[in-house]
C-alpha atoms as a PDB file:
ATOM      1  CA  UNK A   1      30.935 -77.808  -9.132  1.00  0.00           C
ATOM      2  CA  UNK A   2      32.014 -79.238  -6.082  1.00  0.00           C
ATOM      3  CA  UNK A   3      31.741 -82.871  -5.816  1.00  0.00           C
ATOM      4  CA  UNK A   4      29.581 -83.572  -2.760  1.00  0.00           C
ATOM      5  CA  UNK A   5      30.049 -87.410  -1.405  1.00  0.00           C
ATOM      6  CA  UNK A   6      26.948 -89.493  -0.168  1.00  0.00           C
ATOM      7  CA  UNK A   7      25.971 -89.323   2.707  1.00  0.00           C
ATOM      8  CA  UNK A   8      23.998 -92.552   3.222  1.00  0.00           C
ATOM      9  CA  UNK A   9      22.602 -91.701   6.680  1.00  0.00           C
ATOM     10  CA  UNK A  10      21.018 -88.929   5.118  1.00  0.00           C
ATOM     11  CA  UNK A  11      19.155 -90.052   2.330  1.00  0.00           C
ATOM     12  CA  UNK A  12      16.102 -91.888   2.660  1.00  0.00           C
ATOM     13  CA  UNK A  13      13.758 -93.397   0.314  1.00  0.00           C
ATOM     14  CA  UNK A  14      10.351 -93.390   0.835  1.00  0.00           C
ATOM     15  CA  UNK A  15       8.338 -96.248  -0.566  1.00  0.00           C
ATOM     16  CA  UNK A  16       4.269 -95.543  -0.738  1.00  0.00           C
ATOM     17  CA  UNK A  17       1.036 -96.498  -2.507  1.00  0.00           C
ATOM     18  CA  UNK A  18      -2.398 -94.732  -3.492  1.00  0.00           C
ATOM     19  CA  UNK A  19      -5.266 -95.377  -3.345  1.00  0.00           C
ATOM     20  CA  UNK A  20      -8.667 -94.196  -5.167  1.00  0.00           C
ATOM     21  CA  UNK A  21     -12.625 -93.457  -5.561  1.00  0.00           C
ATOM     22  CA  UNK A  22     -14.144 -93.779  -9.732  1.00  0.00           C
ATOM     23  CA  UNK A  23     -18.199 -93.410  -9.224  1.00  0.00           C
ATOM     24  CA  UNK A  24     -19.490 -95.680 -11.243  1.00  0.00           C
ATOM     25  CA  UNK A  25     -20.156 -93.046 -13.700  1.00  0.00           C
ATOM     26  CA  UNK A  26     -16.834 -92.814 -14.755  1.00  0.00           C
ATOM     27  CA  UNK A  27     -15.506 -95.846 -15.231  1.00  0.00           C
ATOM     28  CA  UNK A  28     -14.628 -97.179 -17.627  1.00  0.00           C
ATOM     29  CA  UNK A  29     -13.095-100.639 -19.059  1.00  0.00           C
ATOM     30  CA  UNK A  30      -9.884-100.421 -19.584  1.00  0.00           C
ATOM     31  CA  UNK A  31      -7.131 -97.476 -18.788  1.00  0.00           C
ATOM     32  CA  UNK A  32      -6.477 -95.564 -15.427  1.00  0.00           C
ATOM     33  CA  UNK A  33      -9.567 -94.170 -14.454  1.00  0.00           C
ATOM     34  CA  UNK A  34      -8.901 -92.240 -11.962  1.00  0.00           C
ATOM     35  CA  UNK A  35      -8.413 -88.375 -12.952  1.00  0.00           C
ATOM     36  CA  UNK A  36      -7.286 -86.009 -10.409  1.00  0.00           C
ATOM     37  CA  UNK A  37      -9.034 -83.161 -12.160  1.00  0.00           C
ATOM     38  CA  UNK A  38     -12.326 -84.784 -11.756  1.00  0.00           C
ATOM     39  CA  UNK A  39     -14.339 -82.918  -9.261  1.00  0.00           C
ATOM     40  CA  UNK A  40     -16.608 -86.811  -9.145  1.00  0.00           C
ATOM     41  CA  UNK A  41     -13.251 -88.432  -8.365  1.00  0.00           C
ATOM     42  CA  UNK A  42     -11.485 -89.289  -4.982  1.00  0.00           C
ATOM     43  CA  UNK A  43      -7.716 -89.443  -3.599  1.00  0.00           C
ATOM     44  CA  UNK A  44      -8.406 -91.905  -0.636  1.00  0.00           C
ATOM     45  CA  UNK A  45      -4.894 -91.350   0.778  1.00  0.00           C
ATOM     46  CA  UNK A  46      -1.461 -94.092   0.958  1.00  0.00           C
ATOM     47  CA  UNK A  47       0.152 -95.246   3.134  1.00  0.00           C
ATOM     48  CA  UNK A  48       3.906 -94.006   2.698  1.00  0.00           C
ATOM     49  CA  UNK A  49       7.563 -96.108   4.464  1.00  0.00           C
ATOM     50  CA  UNK A  50      10.559 -93.430   4.607  1.00  0.00           C
ATOM     51  CA  UNK A  51      13.251 -95.703   4.155  1.00  0.00           C
ATOM     52  CA  UNK A  52      17.174 -95.017   5.119  1.00  0.00           C
ATOM     53  CA  UNK A  53      19.603 -97.073   3.909  1.00  0.00           C
ATOM     54  CA  UNK A  54      21.750 -97.649   7.125  1.00  0.00           C
ATOM     55  CA  UNK A  55      18.697 -98.012   9.502  1.00  0.00           C
ATOM     56  CA  UNK A  56      15.640 -99.727   8.098  1.00  0.00           C
ATOM     57  CA  UNK A  57      17.783-102.342   5.881  1.00  0.00           C
ATOM     58  CA  UNK A  58      18.434-104.076  10.083  1.00  0.00           C
ATOM     59  CA  UNK A  59      15.121-103.887  10.995  1.00  0.00           C
ATOM     60  CA  UNK A  60      12.906-106.321  11.419  1.00  0.00           C
ATOM     61  CA  UNK A  61      10.035-106.651   9.592  1.00  0.00           C
ATOM     62  CA  UNK A  62       7.227-105.356  12.124  1.00  0.00           C
ATOM     63  CA  UNK A  63       9.305-102.845  13.398  1.00  0.00           C
ATOM     64  CA  UNK A  64       9.393-100.955   9.793  1.00  0.00           C
ATOM     65  CA  UNK A  65       6.057-102.070   8.756  1.00  0.00           C
ATOM     66  CA  UNK A  66       5.236-100.110  12.951  1.00  0.00           C
ATOM     67  CA  UNK A  67       6.763 -97.071  11.140  1.00  0.00           C
ATOM     68  CA  UNK A  68       4.391 -96.600   7.976  1.00  0.00           C
ATOM     69  CA  UNK A  69       1.945 -93.627   7.760  1.00  0.00           C
ATOM     70  CA  UNK A  70      -1.196 -93.209   6.551  1.00  0.00           C
ATOM     71  CA  UNK A  71      -2.965 -90.478   5.386  1.00  0.00           C
ATOM     72  CA  UNK A  72      -6.835 -91.257   4.812  1.00  0.00           C
ATOM     73  CA  UNK A  73      -9.624 -89.286   4.187  1.00  0.00           C
ATOM     74  CA  UNK A  74     -11.945 -90.221   6.668  1.00  0.00           C
ATOM     75  CA  UNK A  75      -9.068 -88.869   8.860  1.00  0.00           C
ATOM     76  CA  UNK A  76      -9.349 -85.005   7.403  1.00  0.00           C
ATOM     77  CA  UNK A  77     -12.684 -82.846   6.620  1.00  0.00           C
ATOM     78  CA  UNK A  78     -11.033 -82.260   3.062  1.00  0.00           C
ATOM     79  CA  UNK A  79      -9.313 -84.058  -0.096  1.00  0.00           C
ATOM     80  CA  UNK A  80      -6.773 -80.736   0.460  1.00  0.00           C
ATOM     81  CA  UNK A  81      -6.430 -81.132   3.979  1.00  0.00           C
ATOM     82  CA  UNK A  82      -5.077 -84.775   3.231  1.00  0.00           C
ATOM     83  CA  UNK A  83      -2.741 -83.059   0.380  1.00  0.00           C
ATOM     84  CA  UNK A  84      -1.673 -80.181   2.302  1.00  0.00           C
ATOM     85  CA  UNK A  85      -0.138 -83.395   4.536  1.00  0.00           C
ATOM     86  CA  UNK A  86       1.150 -85.390   1.950  1.00  0.00           C
ATOM     87  CA  UNK A  87       2.543 -82.503   0.625  1.00  0.00           C
ATOM     88  CA  UNK A  88       4.556 -81.145   3.723  1.00  0.00           C
ATOM     89  CA  UNK A  89       5.102 -85.316   4.682  1.00  0.00           C
ATOM     90  CA  UNK A  90       7.565 -85.784   1.736  1.00  0.00           C
ATOM     91  CA  UNK A  91       8.740 -82.129   1.468  1.00  0.00           C
ATOM     92  CA  UNK A  92      10.494 -83.028   5.031  1.00  0.00           C
ATOM     93  CA  UNK A  93      12.052 -85.940   3.824  1.00  0.00           C
ATOM     94  CA  UNK A  94      13.515 -84.364   0.643  1.00  0.00           C
ATOM     95  CA  UNK A  95      14.920 -81.509   2.944  1.00  0.00           C
ATOM     96  CA  UNK A  96      16.374 -84.049   5.041  1.00  0.00           C
ATOM     97  CA  UNK A  97      17.895 -85.349   2.246  1.00  0.00           C
ATOM     98  CA  UNK A  98      19.175 -82.458   0.487  1.00  0.00           C
ATOM     99  CA  UNK A  99      20.020 -80.098   3.349  1.00  0.00           C
ATOM    100  CA  UNK A 100      22.496 -82.646   3.975  1.00  0.00           C
ATOM    101  CA  UNK A 101      23.983 -82.978   0.670  1.00  0.00           C
ATOM    102  CA  UNK A 102      23.827 -79.533  -0.222  1.00  0.00           C
ATOM    103  CA  UNK A 103      21.106 -80.088  -2.937  1.00  0.00           C
ATOM    104  CA  UNK A 104      22.515 -82.164  -4.283  1.00  0.00           C
ATOM    105  CA  UNK A 105      21.224 -85.066  -3.553  1.00  0.00           C
ATOM    106  CA  UNK A 106      17.476 -86.364  -3.888  1.00  0.00           C
ATOM    107  CA  UNK A 107      15.306 -88.396  -1.868  1.00  0.00           C
ATOM    108  CA  UNK A 108      13.716 -90.446  -3.714  1.00  0.00           C
ATOM    109  CA  UNK A 109      10.038 -91.995  -4.072  1.00  0.00           C
ATOM    110  CA  UNK A 110       9.536 -95.881  -4.593  1.00  0.00           C
ATOM    111  CA  UNK A 111       6.482 -98.128  -6.546  1.00  0.00           C
ATOM    112  CA  UNK A 112       5.052-100.088  -8.359  1.00  0.00           C
ATOM    113  CA  UNK A 113       3.983 -98.272 -11.501  1.00  0.00           C
ATOM    114  CA  UNK A 114       3.821 -95.126  -9.766  1.00  0.00           C
ATOM    115  CA  UNK A 115       5.386 -92.833 -12.766  1.00  0.00           C
ATOM    116  CA  UNK A 116       2.283 -93.698 -15.171  1.00  0.00           C
ATOM    117  CA  UNK A 117      -0.236 -93.320 -11.467  1.00  0.00           C
ATOM    118  CA  UNK A 118       0.438 -92.198  -8.305  1.00  0.00           C
ATOM    119  CA  UNK A 119       3.883 -89.787  -8.751  1.00  0.00           C
ATOM    120  CA  UNK A 120       1.777 -88.030 -11.522  1.00  0.00           C
ATOM    121  CA  UNK A 121      -1.429 -88.111  -9.943  1.00  0.00           C
ATOM    122  CA  UNK A 122       0.166 -86.916  -7.087  1.00  0.00           C
ATOM    123  CA  UNK A 123       1.171 -83.160  -8.442  1.00  0.00           C
ATOM    124  CA  UNK A 124      -1.682 -82.563 -10.983  1.00  0.00           C
ATOM    125  CA  UNK A 125      -4.291 -82.319  -7.231  1.00  0.00           C
ATOM    126  CA  UNK A 126      -1.183 -80.570  -5.117  1.00  0.00           C
ATOM    127  CA  UNK A 127      -2.048 -77.770  -8.052  1.00  0.00           C
ATOM    128  CA  UNK A 128      -5.746 -78.398  -8.332  1.00  0.00           C
ATOM    129  CA  UNK A 129      -5.660 -77.687  -4.791  1.00  0.00           C
ATOM    130  CA  UNK A 130      -3.000 -74.367  -5.710  1.00  0.00           C
ATOM    131  CA  UNK A 131      -0.880 -76.404  -1.941  1.00  0.00           C
ATOM    132  CA  UNK A 132       1.676 -75.335  -5.660  1.00  0.00           C
ATOM    133  CA  UNK A 133       1.986 -73.628  -8.319  1.00  0.00           C
ATOM    134  CA  UNK A 134       2.181 -74.814 -11.335  1.00  0.00           C
ATOM    135  CA  UNK A 135       5.756 -73.526 -11.970  1.00  0.00           C
ATOM    136  CA  UNK A 136       6.808 -74.596  -7.714  1.00  0.00           C
ATOM    137  CA  UNK A 137       5.051 -78.086  -8.221  1.00  0.00           C
ATOM    138  CA  UNK A 138       7.930 -79.195 -11.475  1.00  0.00           C
ATOM    139  CA  UNK A 139      10.280 -77.370  -9.750  1.00  0.00           C
ATOM    140  CA  UNK A 140       9.595 -80.343  -6.467  1.00  0.00           C
ATOM    141  CA  UNK A 141       9.215 -81.950  -9.242  1.00  0.00           C
ATOM    142  CA  UNK A 142      12.533 -82.137 -10.412  1.00  0.00           C
ATOM    143  CA  UNK A 143      14.040 -82.216  -6.671  1.00  0.00           C
ATOM    144  CA  UNK A 144      12.532 -85.926  -6.106  1.00  0.00           C
ATOM    145  CA  UNK A 145      13.452 -88.478  -7.907  1.00  0.00           C
ATOM    146  CA  UNK A 146      11.521 -91.886  -8.512  1.00  0.00           C
ATOM    147  CA  UNK A 147      12.870 -95.149  -8.350  1.00  0.00           C
ATOM    148  CA  UNK A 148       9.516 -97.499 -10.340  1.00  0.00           C
ATOM    149  CA  UNK A 149       9.932-100.913  -9.642  1.00  0.00           C
ATOM    150  CA  UNK A 150       8.139-102.140 -12.646  1.00  0.00           C
ATOM    151  CA  UNK A 151      10.554-100.954 -14.507  1.00  0.00           C
ATOM    152  CA  UNK A 152      13.873-101.679 -12.227  1.00  0.00           C
ATOM    153  CA  UNK A 153      12.270-105.782 -12.037  1.00  0.00           C
ATOM    154  CA  UNK A 154      12.998-106.092 -15.784  1.00  0.00           C
ATOM    155  CA  UNK A 155      16.219-107.013 -15.630  1.00  0.00           C
ATOM    156  CA  UNK A 156      15.094-110.216 -13.158  1.00  0.00           C
ATOM    157  CA  UNK A 157      12.397-111.516 -15.913  1.00  0.00           C
ATOM    158  CA  UNK A 158      13.828-113.332 -19.282  1.00  0.00           C
ATOM    159  CA  UNK A 159      13.180-111.371 -22.020  1.00  0.00           C
ATOM    160  CA  UNK A 160      11.759-113.168 -25.172  1.00  0.00           C
ATOM    161  CA  UNK A 161      11.159-110.365 -28.052  1.00  0.00           C
ATOM    162  CA  UNK A 162      13.406-106.948 -28.112  1.00  0.00           C
ATOM    163  CA  UNK A 163      10.653-105.136 -26.405  1.00  0.00           C
ATOM    164  CA  UNK A 164      10.677-104.215 -23.011  1.00  0.00           C
ATOM    165  CA  UNK A 165       7.365-103.383 -20.809  1.00  0.00           C
ATOM    166  CA  UNK A 166       6.739-102.462 -17.743  1.00  0.00           C
ATOM    167  CA  UNK A 167       5.912-105.376 -15.560  1.00  0.00           C
ATOM    168  CA  UNK A 168       2.706-105.786 -13.631  1.00  0.00           C
ATOM    169  CA  UNK A 169       2.786-105.249  -9.960  1.00  0.00           C
ATOM    170  CA  UNK A 170       1.301-109.094  -9.542  1.00  0.00           C
ATOM    171  CA  UNK A 171       4.137-110.228 -11.999  1.00  0.00           C
ATOM    172  CA  UNK A 172       6.986-108.864  -9.880  1.00  0.00           C
ATOM    173  CA  UNK A 173       5.321-110.338  -6.335  1.00  0.00           C
ATOM    174  CA  UNK A 174       4.458-113.896  -8.508  1.00  0.00           C
ATOM    175  CA  UNK A 175       8.210-113.938  -8.466  1.00  0.00           C
ATOM    176  CA  UNK A 176       9.694-112.668  -5.391  1.00  0.00           C
ATOM    177  CA  UNK A 177       6.744-113.503  -3.139  1.00  0.00           C
ATOM    178  CA  UNK A 178       4.889-116.310  -4.189  1.00  0.00           C
ATOM    179  CA  UNK A 179       1.579-116.704  -3.305  1.00  0.00           C
ATOM    180  CA  UNK A 180       1.095-113.028  -2.884  1.00  0.00           C
ATOM    181  CA  UNK A 181      -0.966-111.286  -5.104  1.00  0.00           C
ATOM    182  CA  UNK A 182      -3.347-108.093  -5.020  1.00  0.00           C
ATOM    183  CA  UNK A 183      -6.853-108.044  -6.670  1.00  0.00           C
ATOM    184  CA  UNK A 184      -6.581-104.338  -8.974  1.00  0.00           C
ATOM    185  CA  UNK A 185      -7.029-101.002  -7.407  1.00  0.00           C
ATOM    186  CA  UNK A 186     -10.736-101.279  -8.609  1.00  0.00           C
ATOM    187  CA  UNK A 187     -11.996-104.146  -5.919  1.00  0.00           C
ATOM    188  CA  UNK A 188     -11.009-101.566  -3.460  1.00  0.00           C
ATOM    189  CA  UNK A 189     -14.227 -98.824  -4.944  1.00  0.00           C
ATOM    190  CA  UNK A 190     -16.520-101.093  -2.965  1.00  0.00           C
ATOM    191  CA  UNK A 191     -14.731-101.540   0.018  1.00  0.00           C
ATOM    192  CA  UNK A 192     -15.027 -97.648   0.446  1.00  0.00           C
ATOM    193  CA  UNK A 193     -18.740 -97.612  -0.577  1.00  0.00           C
ATOM    194  CA  UNK A 194     -19.258-100.414   2.519  1.00  0.00           C
ATOM    195  CA  UNK A 195     -17.368 -98.049   4.714  1.00  0.00           C
ATOM    196  CA  UNK A 196     -14.855-100.751   5.338  1.00  0.00           C
ATOM    197  CA  UNK A 197     -11.917 -98.466   5.483  1.00  0.00           C
ATOM    198  CA  UNK A 198     -10.041-101.029   7.926  1.00  0.00           C
ATOM    199  CA  UNK A 199      -9.729-102.835   5.063  1.00  0.00           C
ATOM    200  CA  UNK A 200      -8.844-100.231   2.448  1.00  0.00           C
ATOM    201  CA  UNK A 201      -6.241 -99.960   5.336  1.00  0.00           C
ATOM    202  CA  UNK A 202      -4.540-103.163   5.795  1.00  0.00           C
ATOM    203  CA  UNK A 203      -4.986-103.799   2.300  1.00  0.00           C
ATOM    204  CA  UNK A 204      -2.481 -99.996   0.822  1.00  0.00           C
ATOM    205  CA  UNK A 205      -0.520-100.719   4.372  1.00  0.00           C
ATOM    206  CA  UNK A 206       0.422-104.823   2.344  1.00  0.00           C
ATOM    207  CA  UNK A 207       1.219-102.814  -0.486  1.00  0.00           C
ATOM    208  CA  UNK A 208       3.816-100.859   0.726  1.00  0.00           C
ATOM    209  CA  UNK A 209       5.982-103.449   3.167  1.00  0.00           C
ATOM    210  CA  UNK A 210       4.904-106.209  -0.649  1.00  0.00           C
ATOM    211  CA  UNK A 211       7.165-102.658  -2.669  1.00  0.00           C
ATOM    212  CA  UNK A 212       9.824-102.717  -0.150  1.00  0.00           C
ATOM    213  CA  UNK A 213      10.425-106.231   0.399  1.00  0.00           C
ATOM    214  CA  UNK A 214      10.749-107.168  -3.539  1.00  0.00           C
ATOM    215  CA  UNK A 215      12.998-104.180  -3.735  1.00  0.00           C
ATOM    216  CA  UNK A 216      15.180-105.667  -0.907  1.00  0.00           C
ATOM    217  CA  UNK A 217      15.171-108.634  -3.023  1.00  0.00           C
ATOM    218  CA  UNK A 218      15.831-107.012  -6.572  1.00  0.00           C
ATOM    219  CA  UNK A 219      18.848-105.446  -4.636  1.00  0.00           C
ATOM    220  CA  UNK A 220      19.879-108.568  -3.740  1.00  0.00           C
ATOM    221  CA  UNK A 221      19.804-110.024  -7.533  1.00  0.00           C
ATOM    222  CA  UNK A 222      22.055-107.377  -8.502  1.00  0.00           C
ATOM    223  CA  UNK A 223      24.473-107.992  -6.551  1.00  0.00           C
ATOM    224  CA  UNK A 224      24.719-111.223  -7.303  1.00  0.00           C
ATOM    225  CA  UNK A 225      24.752-110.769 -10.985  1.00  0.00           C
ATOM    226  CA  UNK A 226      27.474-108.175 -10.518  1.00  0.00           C
ATOM    227  CA  UNK A 227      29.217-111.059  -8.506  1.00  0.00           C
ATOM    228  CA  UNK A 228      28.883-113.595 -11.025  1.00  0.00           C
ATOM    229  CA  UNK A 229      30.148-110.927 -13.431  1.00  0.00           C
ATOM    230  CA  UNK A 230      33.119-110.491 -11.763  1.00  0.00           C
ATOM    231  CA  UNK A 231      33.989-114.179 -10.975  1.00  0.00           C
ATOM    232  CA  UNK A 232      33.136-114.122 -15.337  1.00  0.00           C
ATOM    233  CA  UNK A 233      35.631-111.681 -16.176  1.00  0.00           C
ATOM    234  CA  UNK A 234      38.519-113.441 -13.923  1.00  0.00           C
ATOM    235  CA  UNK A 235      38.121-116.034 -14.906  1.00  0.00           C
ATOM    236  CA  UNK A 236      38.676-114.612 -18.870  1.00  0.00           C
ATOM    237  CA  UNK A 237      41.658-112.773 -17.304  1.00  0.00           C
ATOM    238  CA  UNK A 238      42.954-116.318 -16.103  1.00  0.00           C
ATOM    239  CA  UNK A 239      42.722-118.002 -19.338  1.00  0.00           C
ATOM    240  CA  UNK A 240      44.007-115.116 -20.903  1.00  0.00           C
ATOM    241  CA  UNK A 241      46.927-115.107 -18.778  1.00  0.00           C
ATOM    242  CA  UNK A 242      47.485-118.966 -19.130  1.00  0.00           C
ATOM    243  CA  UNK A 243      46.718-118.821 -23.423  1.00  0.00           C
ATOM    244  CA  UNK A 244      50.008-115.718 -23.217  1.00  0.00           C
ATOM    245  CA  UNK A 245      51.532-118.481 -20.505  1.00  0.00           C
ATOM    246  CA  UNK A 246      51.668-121.626 -23.372  1.00  0.00           C
ATOM    247  CA  UNK A 247      52.673-119.338 -26.244  1.00  0.00           C
ATOM    248  CA  UNK A 248      55.394-118.471 -24.579  1.00  0.00           C
ATOM    249  CA  UNK A 249      56.848-121.751 -23.458  1.00  0.00           C
END
């Protein structure tokens, strides 16, 4: 297999967040209330920011925010139409990356807690609405890569035990954006019932931008850690040389 050089200007990381509506009859005290196979539940939609590492990091927050694309149920005739647009958006970004790397590099889906909620929900809905067959859904999902900040952020927190557990969204925000906090997803249910659609869209766009900011902050931490590691190795090497010179004398 020939080596394919990474082309950063052709890479994409898709930051996203979804919102759901669960009627009172389906609500429970713990766990994910939403089930994509339950017809009484509704996918409200979500917001997506496709980031190019050579472009978006140099832009202002305002510019990046203006590039967020929202797909929300009140702008569609059906849930299936909403999902088709989400699928096409992700597929288009994915194909851009894969075609530029001969299929050997993928676009990245990024969010907080998405490995246990948003990503599996989307693919179950793609199957439920026959947007993708079971087989095609598996193939497409395998073409993507998922970066969950609830796991990645662990490197920036003190670990008091040997039990690593994904960090909650508000824990990450409290570290990187003190004072910023989101109510749990169930708070959206009331907004949806009251038809406060603008409030929902503002929230989901804000969540995407907070995720993007947290990503940049974690990346900065990782680079700082590596710089400290390099300095430590340099000091250790210097001490070894000094020790060898001492023995030689």
